[in-house]
Amino acid sequence: MCCSTAGSQQSLTILAQVARGEDVKSLIAEAEETRSTAEERQRSAHAKALDPVAGAAAASAAKLETDNLRFEVERLSAALEALHTAHAEAKARELDRLRHAAYDKAKAERDALTAEVCNLFPQIEKQLTDLMKRIAPSMTQPWPTSTGSCPPERTGSRASMRLLVDAQPGC
């Protein structure tokens, strides 16, 4: 009966900020059970207070118990509302943690790939530059045609490069 004790709203606020969803769900179940028991006890005390056979002192004590139990039920209902809110907030925090973890993982992977590209690119750029320097002289060589020169539609660096690529199987 954790919730039948005088817990403050501040305690519920702190709970809402730190508890896991499953922990709060467990507290909700306990509070609902406690409230149900208090409601049963309230009905029983109310019946005793109204019993015409009971003496005045017993009826008065039962009435006081009924009032106290009604107040306890109201407090438990208020606590349950706060617990349901805390549960929703805890679930939202858990989802946020999962989203942040997924984001951090994706960002780390992206950063690692970016670093890899940054490390590889200068080498690839140098290799391509060296390759282009070796290709350039071959572009001035005449192509084997009937006239012994490069066809006019196949001149220029892009067209020359396309000829080289077209001549390679699998390109």
C-alpha atoms as a PDB file:
ATOM      1  CA  MET A   1       0.000   0.000   0.000  1.00  0.00           C
ATOM      2  CA  CYS A   2       2.608   2.493  -1.043  1.00  0.00           C
ATOM      3  CA  CYS A   3       0.072   5.001  -2.255  1.00  0.00           C
ATOM      4  CA  SER A   4      -2.066   5.094   0.883  1.00  0.00           C
ATOM      5  CA  THR A   5       0.725   6.916   2.702  1.00  0.00           C
ATOM      6  CA  ALA A   6       0.958  10.674   2.425  1.00  0.00           C
ATOM      7  CA  GLY A   7       3.025  11.040  -0.776  1.00  0.00           C
ATOM      8  CA  SER A   8       3.415  14.559  -2.060  1.00  0.00           C
ATOM      9  CA  GLN A   9       2.930  15.867  -5.571  1.00  0.00           C
ATOM     10  CA  GLN A  10       6.634  16.685  -5.540  1.00  0.00           C
ATOM     11  CA  SER A  11       7.427  12.985  -5.063  1.00  0.00           C
ATOM     12  CA  LEU A  12       5.239  12.127  -8.051  1.00  0.00           C
ATOM     13  CA  THR A  13       6.968  14.818 -10.104  1.00  0.00           C
ATOM     14  CA  ILE A  14      10.378  13.385  -9.235  1.00  0.00           C
ATOM     15  CA  LEU A  15       9.068   9.907 -10.008  1.00  0.00           C
ATOM     16  CA  ALA A  16       7.830  11.103 -13.384  1.00  0.00           C
ATOM     17  CA  GLN A  17      11.288  12.435 -14.214  1.00  0.00           C
ATOM     18  CA  VAL A  18      13.350   9.365 -13.337  1.00  0.00           C
ATOM     19  CA  ALA A  19      11.185   6.243 -13.405  1.00  0.00           C
ATOM     20  CA  ARG A  20      11.069   3.722 -16.195  1.00  0.00           C
ATOM     21  CA  GLY A  21       7.719   3.023 -17.835  1.00  0.00           C
ATOM     22  CA  GLU A  22       7.547  -0.504 -16.433  1.00  0.00           C
ATOM     23  CA  ASP A  23       8.274   0.767 -12.910  1.00  0.00           C
ATOM     24  CA  VAL A  24       5.456   3.301 -13.123  1.00  0.00           C
ATOM     25  CA  LYS A  25       3.140   0.679 -14.621  1.00  0.00           C
ATOM     26  CA  SER A  26       3.836  -1.520 -11.591  1.00  0.00           C
ATOM     27  CA  LEU A  27       3.031   1.391  -9.257  1.00  0.00           C
ATOM     28  CA  ILE A  28      -0.212   2.021 -11.151  1.00  0.00           C
ATOM     29  CA  ALA A  29      -1.282  -1.593 -10.650  1.00  0.00           C
ATOM     30  CA  GLU A  30      -0.456  -1.370  -6.943  1.00  0.00           C
ATOM     31  CA  ALA A  31      -2.314   1.938  -6.541  1.00  0.00           C
ATOM     32  CA  GLU A  32      -5.371   0.583  -8.366  1.00  0.00           C
ATOM     33  CA  GLU A  33      -5.416  -2.461  -6.098  1.00  0.00           C
ATOM     34  CA  THR A  34      -5.048  -0.219  -3.020  1.00  0.00           C
ATOM     35  CA  ARG A  35      -7.862   2.047  -4.224  1.00  0.00           C
ATOM     36  CA  SER A  36     -10.113  -0.940  -4.888  1.00  0.00           C
ATOM     37  CA  THR A  37      -9.479  -2.233  -1.363  1.00  0.00           C
ATOM     38  CA  ALA A  38     -10.164   1.224   0.105  1.00  0.00           C
ATOM     39  CA  GLU A  39     -13.432   1.441  -1.856  1.00  0.00           C
ATOM     40  CA  GLU A  40     -14.538  -1.931  -0.501  1.00  0.00           C
ATOM     41  CA  ARG A  41     -13.611  -0.863   3.041  1.00  0.00           C
ATOM     42  CA  GLN A  42     -15.469   2.428   2.528  1.00  0.00           C
ATOM     43  CA  ARG A  43     -18.649   0.609   1.425  1.00  0.00           C
ATOM     44  CA  SER A  44     -18.380  -1.696   4.425  1.00  0.00           C
ATOM     45  CA  ALA A  45     -17.827   1.209   6.860  1.00  0.00           C
ATOM     46  CA  HIS A  46     -20.719   3.116   5.281  1.00  0.00           C
ATOM     47  CA  ALA A  47     -22.987   0.100   5.740  1.00  0.00           C
ATOM     48  CA  LYS A  48     -21.899  -0.105   9.421  1.00  0.00           C
ATOM     49  CA  ALA A  49     -22.566   3.621   9.888  1.00  0.00           C
ATOM     50  CA  LEU A  50     -26.109   3.191   8.545  1.00  0.00           C
ATOM     51  CA  ASP A  51     -26.833  -0.010  10.474  1.00  0.00           C
ATOM     52  CA  PRO A  52     -29.738   0.788  12.836  1.00  0.00           C
ATOM     53  CA  VAL A  53     -28.668  -1.987  15.220  1.00  0.00           C
ATOM     54  CA  ALA A  54     -25.194  -0.441  15.778  1.00  0.00           C
ATOM     55  CA  GLY A  55     -24.810   1.818  18.764  1.00  0.00           C
ATOM     56  CA  ALA A  56     -24.279   5.552  18.411  1.00  0.00           C
ATOM     57  CA  ALA A  57     -20.550   5.302  19.158  1.00  0.00           C
ATOM     58  CA  ALA A  58     -20.058   2.487  16.607  1.00  0.00           C
ATOM     59  CA  ALA A  59     -22.093   4.372  13.990  1.00  0.00           C
ATOM     60  CA  SER A  60     -20.109   7.553  14.646  1.00  0.00           C
ATOM     61  CA  ALA A  61     -16.800   5.676  14.362  1.00  0.00           C
ATOM     62  CA  ALA A  62     -17.991   3.975  11.143  1.00  0.00           C
ATOM     63  CA  LYS A  63     -19.030   7.370   9.718  1.00  0.00           C
ATOM     64  CA  LEU A  64     -15.609   8.810  10.541  1.00  0.00           C
ATOM     65  CA  GLU A  65     -13.963   5.764   8.943  1.00  0.00           C
ATOM     66  CA  THR A  66     -16.200   6.201   5.861  1.00  0.00           C
ATOM     67  CA  ASP A  67     -15.136   9.838   5.512  1.00  0.00           C
ATOM     68  CA  ASN A  68     -11.464   8.957   5.964  1.00  0.00           C
ATOM     69  CA  LEU A  69     -11.696   6.136   3.417  1.00  0.00           C
ATOM     70  CA  ARG A  70     -13.540   8.370   0.923  1.00  0.00           C
ATOM     71  CA  PHE A  71     -10.710  10.877   1.245  1.00  0.00           C
ATOM     72  CA  GLU A  72      -8.150   8.079   0.787  1.00  0.00           C
ATOM     73  CA  VAL A  73      -9.958   6.922  -2.364  1.00  0.00           C
ATOM     74  CA  GLU A  74      -9.931  10.497  -3.713  1.00  0.00           C
ATOM     75  CA  ARG A  75      -6.196  10.827  -2.984  1.00  0.00           C
ATOM     76  CA  LEU A  76      -5.498   7.495  -4.646  1.00  0.00           C
ATOM     77  CA  SER A  77      -7.514   8.584  -7.687  1.00  0.00           C
ATOM     78  CA  ALA A  78      -5.470  11.786  -7.878  1.00  0.00           C
ATOM     79  CA  ALA A  79      -2.266   9.748  -7.473  1.00  0.00           C
ATOM     80  CA  LEU A  80      -3.389   7.425 -10.265  1.00  0.00           C
ATOM     81  CA  GLU A  81      -3.920  10.359 -12.605  1.00  0.00           C
ATOM     82  CA  ALA A  82      -0.413  11.564 -11.809  1.00  0.00           C
ATOM     83  CA  LEU A  83       0.965   8.053 -12.256  1.00  0.00           C
ATOM     84  CA  HIS A  84      -0.715   7.675 -15.639  1.00  0.00           C
ATOM     85  CA  THR A  85       0.861  10.974 -16.682  1.00  0.00           C
ATOM     86  CA  ALA A  86       4.215   9.809 -15.299  1.00  0.00           C
ATOM     87  CA  HIS A  87       3.857   6.549 -17.217  1.00  0.00           C
ATOM     88  CA  ALA A  88       3.225   8.366 -20.481  1.00  0.00           C
ATOM     89  CA  GLU A  89       6.192  10.665 -19.839  1.00  0.00           C
ATOM     90  CA  ALA A  90       8.443   7.720 -18.945  1.00  0.00           C
ATOM     91  CA  LYS A  91       7.450   5.911 -22.138  1.00  0.00           C
ATOM     92  CA  ALA A  92       8.152   9.085 -24.134  1.00  0.00           C
ATOM     93  CA  ARG A  93      11.580   9.393 -22.473  1.00  0.00           C
ATOM     94  CA  GLU A  94      12.350   5.766 -23.291  1.00  0.00           C
ATOM     95  CA  LEU A  95      11.389   6.320 -26.937  1.00  0.00           C
ATOM     96  CA  ASP A  96      13.510   9.477 -27.004  1.00  0.00           C
ATOM     97  CA  ARG A  97      16.469   7.513 -25.633  1.00  0.00           C
ATOM     98  CA  LEU A  98      15.996   4.893 -28.356  1.00  0.00           C
ATOM     99  CA  ARG A  99      15.741   7.580 -31.042  1.00  0.00           C
ATOM    100  CA  HIS A 100      18.837   9.335 -29.707  1.00  0.00           C
ATOM    101  CA  ALA A 101      20.750   6.051 -29.613  1.00  0.00           C
ATOM    102  CA  ALA A 102      19.746   5.280 -33.213  1.00  0.00           C
ATOM    103  CA  TYR A 103      20.709   8.807 -34.258  1.00  0.00           C
ATOM    104  CA  ASP A 104      24.060   8.594 -32.467  1.00  0.00           C
ATOM    105  CA  LYS A 105      24.780   5.241 -34.108  1.00  0.00           C
ATOM    106  CA  ALA A 106      23.870   6.550 -37.575  1.00  0.00           C
ATOM    107  CA  LYS A 107      25.891   9.720 -37.007  1.00  0.00           C
ATOM    108  CA  ALA A 108      28.929   7.736 -35.868  1.00  0.00           C
ATOM    109  CA  GLU A 109      28.664   5.515 -38.946  1.00  0.00           C
ATOM    110  CA  ARG A 110      28.282   8.538 -41.210  1.00  0.00           C
ATOM    111  CA  ASP A 111      31.236  10.277 -39.554  1.00  0.00           C
ATOM    112  CA  ALA A 112      33.383   7.152 -39.968  1.00  0.00           C
ATOM    113  CA  LEU A 113      32.452   6.912 -43.659  1.00  0.00           C
ATOM    114  CA  THR A 114      33.129  10.613 -44.125  1.00  0.00           C
ATOM    115  CA  ALA A 115      36.546  10.192 -42.541  1.00  0.00           C
ATOM    116  CA  GLU A 116      37.208   7.227 -44.823  1.00  0.00           C
ATOM    117  CA  VAL A 117      36.247   9.269 -47.884  1.00  0.00           C
ATOM    118  CA  CYS A 118      38.442  12.131 -46.687  1.00  0.00           C
ATOM    119  CA  ASN A 119      41.359   9.718 -46.286  1.00  0.00           C
ATOM    120  CA  LEU A 120      40.813   7.975 -49.632  1.00  0.00           C
ATOM    121  CA  PHE A 121      39.913  10.939 -51.818  1.00  0.00           C
ATOM    122  CA  PRO A 122      43.389  12.523 -52.084  1.00  0.00           C
ATOM    123  CA  GLN A 123      44.813   9.172 -53.150  1.00  0.00           C
ATOM    124  CA  ILE A 124      42.025   8.586 -55.689  1.00  0.00           C
ATOM    125  CA  GLU A 125      42.373  12.157 -56.967  1.00  0.00           C
ATOM    126  CA  LYS A 126      46.115  11.666 -57.427  1.00  0.00           C
ATOM    127  CA  GLN A 127      45.570   8.355 -59.242  1.00  0.00           C
ATOM    128  CA  LEU A 128      42.972   9.915 -61.555  1.00  0.00           C
ATOM    129  CA  THR A 129      45.225  12.926 -62.216  1.00  0.00           C
ATOM    130  CA  ASP A 130      48.154  10.635 -63.052  1.00  0.00           C
ATOM    131  CA  LEU A 131      45.913   8.530 -65.285  1.00  0.00           C
ATOM    132  CA  MET A 132      44.611  11.602 -67.127  1.00  0.00           C
ATOM    133  CA  LYS A 133      48.175  12.838 -67.637  1.00  0.00           C
ATOM    134  CA  ARG A 134      49.045   9.500 -69.231  1.00  0.00           C
ATOM    135  CA  ILE A 135      45.871   9.496 -71.326  1.00  0.00           C
ATOM    136  CA  ALA A 136      46.349  13.040 -72.627  1.00  0.00           C
ATOM    137  CA  PRO A 137      49.300  12.251 -74.945  1.00  0.00           C
ATOM    138  CA  SER A 138      47.388   9.377 -76.504  1.00  0.00           C
ATOM    139  CA  MET A 139      44.629  11.792 -77.501  1.00  0.00           C
ATOM    140  CA  THR A 140      46.961  13.535 -79.928  1.00  0.00           C
ATOM    141  CA  GLN A 141      47.744  10.282 -81.714  1.00  0.00           C
ATOM    142  CA  PRO A 142      45.822   9.716 -84.938  1.00  0.00           C
ATOM    143  CA  TRP A 143      43.081   7.114 -84.758  1.00  0.00           C
ATOM    144  CA  PRO A 144      43.179   4.310 -87.238  1.00  0.00           C
ATOM    145  CA  THR A 145      40.674   5.386 -89.867  1.00  0.00           C
ATOM    146  CA  SER A 146      40.723   5.269 -93.592  1.00  0.00           C
ATOM    147  CA  THR A 147      42.137   8.815 -93.666  1.00  0.00           C
ATOM    148  CA  GLY A 148      44.493   8.273 -90.700  1.00  0.00           C
ATOM    149  CA  SER A 149      43.006  10.976 -88.495  1.00  0.00           C
ATOM    150  CA  CYS A 150      40.455  11.216 -85.754  1.00  0.00           C
ATOM    151  CA  PRO A 151      36.884  11.596 -86.978  1.00  0.00           C
ATOM    152  CA  PRO A 152      35.651  15.179 -86.411  1.00  0.00           C
ATOM    153  CA  GLU A 153      32.681  14.159 -84.290  1.00  0.00           C
ATOM    154  CA  ARG A 154      35.028  12.344 -81.915  1.00  0.00           C
ATOM    155  CA  THR A 155      37.332  15.209 -80.977  1.00  0.00           C
ATOM    156  CA  GLY A 156      37.688  16.985 -77.645  1.00  0.00           C
ATOM    157  CA  SER A 157      38.629  15.589 -74.263  1.00  0.00           C
ATOM    158  CA  ARG A 158      35.189  14.158 -73.440  1.00  0.00           C
ATOM    159  CA  ALA A 159      34.777  12.521 -76.807  1.00  0.00           C
ATOM    160  CA  SER A 160      38.328  11.149 -76.623  1.00  0.00           C
ATOM    161  CA  MET A 161      37.717   9.796 -73.174  1.00  0.00           C
ATOM    162  CA  ARG A 162      34.456   8.209 -74.362  1.00  0.00           C
ATOM    163  CA  LEU A 163      36.388   6.459 -77.170  1.00  0.00           C
ATOM    164  CA  LEU A 164      38.815   5.046 -74.622  1.00  0.00           C
ATOM    165  CA  VAL A 165      36.023   3.872 -72.386  1.00  0.00           C
ATOM    166  CA  ASP A 166      34.012   2.422 -75.280  1.00  0.00           C
ATOM    167  CA  ALA A 167      37.064   0.476 -76.387  1.00  0.00           C
ATOM    168  CA  GLN A 168      37.325  -1.243 -72.983  1.00  0.00           C
ATOM    169  CA  PRO A 169      35.195  -4.334 -72.475  1.00  0.00           C
ATOM    170  CA  GLY A 170      32.890  -4.051 -69.465  1.00  0.00           C
ATOM    171  CA  CYS A 171      32.941  -0.211 -69.294  1.00  0.00           C
END
